[in-house]
Amino acid sequence: MPDHERGHSLCERGGVISKGPTVVGTAHSVSIPLRCPKGSKVVGVSHTHPSGDLHLSEQDKKTARTKKLKVVCVKARERVRCYRFRHKS
């Protein structure tokens, strides 16, 4: 696995999930632009944790809350875990 975090936005259109552009960050973080193809909307982000830890960091949780993301996925080695979030209206 690369030693830098990589990530992309998760986009939804008509019940189909696609991904936005992939970006590369540092060994400890990645700034993922919340952009999707025209006609779709951002529903979450997916990124790697080079450390191998599948748990969300405090920054991951904060981003999910402040950006009102529905899902945050983490890939560590060959495993992927997705976390769902519910936000108050």
C-alpha atoms as a PDB file:
ATOM      1  CA  MET A   1       0.000   0.000   0.000  1.00  0.00           C
ATOM      2  CA  PRO A   2       1.289   3.501  -0.752  1.00  0.00           C
ATOM      3  CA  ASP A   3       2.687   5.491   2.181  1.00  0.00           C
ATOM      4  CA  HIS A   4       0.483   8.513   1.468  1.00  0.00           C
ATOM      5  CA  GLU A   5      -3.262   8.737   2.014  1.00  0.00           C
ATOM      6  CA  ARG A   6      -5.339   8.754  -1.152  1.00  0.00           C
ATOM      7  CA  GLY A   7      -8.998   9.583  -1.409  1.00  0.00           C
ATOM      8  CA  HIS A   8     -11.973  10.581  -3.516  1.00  0.00           C
ATOM      9  CA  SER A   9     -15.531  11.766  -3.087  1.00  0.00           C
ATOM     10  CA  LEU A  10     -18.430   9.324  -3.396  1.00  0.00           C
ATOM     11  CA  CYS A  11     -21.118  10.557  -5.769  1.00  0.00           C
ATOM     12  CA  GLU A  12     -24.722   9.430  -6.206  1.00  0.00           C
ATOM     13  CA  ARG A  13     -26.999   9.772  -9.198  1.00  0.00           C
ATOM     14  CA  GLY A  14     -30.185   7.793  -9.556  1.00  0.00           C
ATOM     15  CA  GLY A  15     -29.148   5.287  -6.912  1.00  0.00           C
ATOM     16  CA  VAL A  16     -25.776   4.593  -8.566  1.00  0.00           C
ATOM     17  CA  ILE A  17     -22.576   5.423  -6.685  1.00  0.00           C
ATOM     18  CA  SER A  18     -19.509   6.642  -8.576  1.00  0.00           C
ATOM     19  CA  LYS A  19     -16.291   8.303  -7.499  1.00  0.00           C
ATOM     20  CA  GLY A  20     -14.879  11.756  -7.945  1.00  0.00           C
ATOM     21  CA  PRO A  21     -11.254  12.537  -8.793  1.00  0.00           C
ATOM     22  CA  THR A  22      -8.580  10.769  -6.736  1.00  0.00           C
ATOM     23  CA  VAL A  23      -6.190  12.973  -4.770  1.00  0.00           C
ATOM     24  CA  VAL A  24      -2.977  12.158  -2.877  1.00  0.00           C
ATOM     25  CA  GLY A  25      -2.202  13.589   0.545  1.00  0.00           C
ATOM     26  CA  THR A  26       0.468  13.050   3.178  1.00  0.00           C
ATOM     27  CA  ALA A  27       1.191  10.003   5.314  1.00  0.00           C
ATOM     28  CA  HIS A  28      -1.419  11.221   7.833  1.00  0.00           C
ATOM     29  CA  SER A  29      -4.093  13.151   5.939  1.00  0.00           C
ATOM     30  CA  VAL A  30      -5.675  13.932   2.599  1.00  0.00           C
ATOM     31  CA  SER A  31      -7.857  16.889   1.588  1.00  0.00           C
ATOM     32  CA  ILE A  32     -10.586  15.466  -0.616  1.00  0.00           C
ATOM     33  CA  PRO A  33     -12.419  17.943  -2.835  1.00  0.00           C
ATOM     34  CA  LEU A  34     -16.157  17.355  -2.577  1.00  0.00           C
ATOM     35  CA  ARG A  35     -16.762  17.389  -6.325  1.00  0.00           C
ATOM     36  CA  CYS A  36     -18.840  15.077  -8.461  1.00  0.00           C
ATOM     37  CA  PRO A  37     -19.759  14.783 -12.119  1.00  0.00           C
ATOM     38  CA  LYS A  38     -22.590  17.046 -13.250  1.00  0.00           C
ATOM     39  CA  GLY A  39     -26.003  15.731 -12.249  1.00  0.00           C
ATOM     40  CA  SER A  40     -24.739  13.777  -9.247  1.00  0.00           C
ATOM     41  CA  LYS A  41     -24.334  14.763  -5.606  1.00  0.00           C
ATOM     42  CA  VAL A  42     -21.674  14.118  -2.972  1.00  0.00           C
ATOM     43  CA  VAL A  43     -22.799  11.531  -0.436  1.00  0.00           C
ATOM     44  CA  GLY A  44     -19.459  10.708   1.148  1.00  0.00           C
ATOM     45  CA  VAL A  45     -15.739  10.156   0.849  1.00  0.00           C
ATOM     46  CA  SER A  46     -13.430   7.170   0.660  1.00  0.00           C
ATOM     47  CA  HIS A  47      -9.764   7.250   1.617  1.00  0.00           C
ATOM     48  CA  THR A  48      -6.847   5.096   2.640  1.00  0.00           C
ATOM     49  CA  HIS A  49      -5.107   4.767   5.988  1.00  0.00           C
ATOM     50  CA  PRO A  50      -1.501   3.692   5.272  1.00  0.00           C
ATOM     51  CA  SER A  51      -1.131   2.857   8.983  1.00  0.00           C
ATOM     52  CA  GLY A  52      -3.479  -0.110   8.505  1.00  0.00           C
ATOM     53  CA  ASP A  53      -6.038   1.232  10.999  1.00  0.00           C
ATOM     54  CA  LEU A  54      -9.634   0.856   9.746  1.00  0.00           C
ATOM     55  CA  HIS A  55     -11.093   3.123  12.439  1.00  0.00           C
ATOM     56  CA  LEU A  56     -12.097   6.691  11.689  1.00  0.00           C
ATOM     57  CA  SER A  57      -9.816   9.414  12.996  1.00  0.00           C
ATOM     58  CA  GLU A  58     -11.283  12.339  14.924  1.00  0.00           C
ATOM     59  CA  GLN A  59     -10.709  14.450  11.793  1.00  0.00           C
ATOM     60  CA  ASP A  60     -12.661  11.907   9.699  1.00  0.00           C
ATOM     61  CA  LYS A  61     -15.601  12.180  12.124  1.00  0.00           C
ATOM     62  CA  LYS A  62     -15.422  15.977  12.211  1.00  0.00           C
ATOM     63  CA  THR A  63     -15.426  16.165   8.415  1.00  0.00           C
ATOM     64  CA  ALA A  64     -18.426  13.830   8.204  1.00  0.00           C
ATOM     65  CA  ARG A  65     -20.338  16.016  10.671  1.00  0.00           C
ATOM     66  CA  THR A  66     -19.429  19.437   9.263  1.00  0.00           C
ATOM     67  CA  LYS A  67     -19.893  18.436   5.600  1.00  0.00           C
ATOM     68  CA  LYS A  68     -23.010  16.358   6.405  1.00  0.00           C
ATOM     69  CA  LEU A  69     -21.621  13.293   4.647  1.00  0.00           C
ATOM     70  CA  LYS A  70     -23.743  10.149   4.673  1.00  0.00           C
ATOM     71  CA  VAL A  71     -20.813   7.737   4.459  1.00  0.00           C
ATOM     72  CA  VAL A  72     -17.063   7.665   5.063  1.00  0.00           C
ATOM     73  CA  CYS A  73     -15.092   4.635   3.866  1.00  0.00           C
ATOM     74  CA  VAL A  74     -11.582   3.705   4.957  1.00  0.00           C
ATOM     75  CA  LYS A  75      -9.284   1.297   3.126  1.00  0.00           C
ATOM     76  CA  ALA A  76      -6.381  -0.165   5.082  1.00  0.00           C
ATOM     77  CA  ARG A  77      -4.262  -2.779   3.365  1.00  0.00           C
ATOM     78  CA  GLU A  78      -6.769  -5.048   1.604  1.00  0.00           C
ATOM     79  CA  ARG A  79      -9.705  -4.298   3.914  1.00  0.00           C
ATOM     80  CA  VAL A  80     -12.411  -1.639   3.544  1.00  0.00           C
ATOM     81  CA  ARG A  81     -14.830  -0.435   6.197  1.00  0.00           C
ATOM     82  CA  CYS A  82     -17.606   2.089   5.575  1.00  0.00           C
ATOM     83  CA  TYR A  83     -19.272   4.116   8.317  1.00  0.00           C
ATOM     84  CA  ARG A  84     -22.743   5.635   7.935  1.00  0.00           C
ATOM     85  CA  PHE A  85     -23.720   8.954   9.457  1.00  0.00           C
ATOM     86  CA  ARG A  86     -27.136  10.419  10.216  1.00  0.00           C
ATOM     87  CA  HIS A  87     -27.449  14.155  10.630  1.00  0.00           C
ATOM     88  CA  LYS A  88     -30.130  16.248  12.255  1.00  0.00           C
ATOM     89  CA  SER A  89     -32.103  18.354   9.803  1.00  0.00           C
END
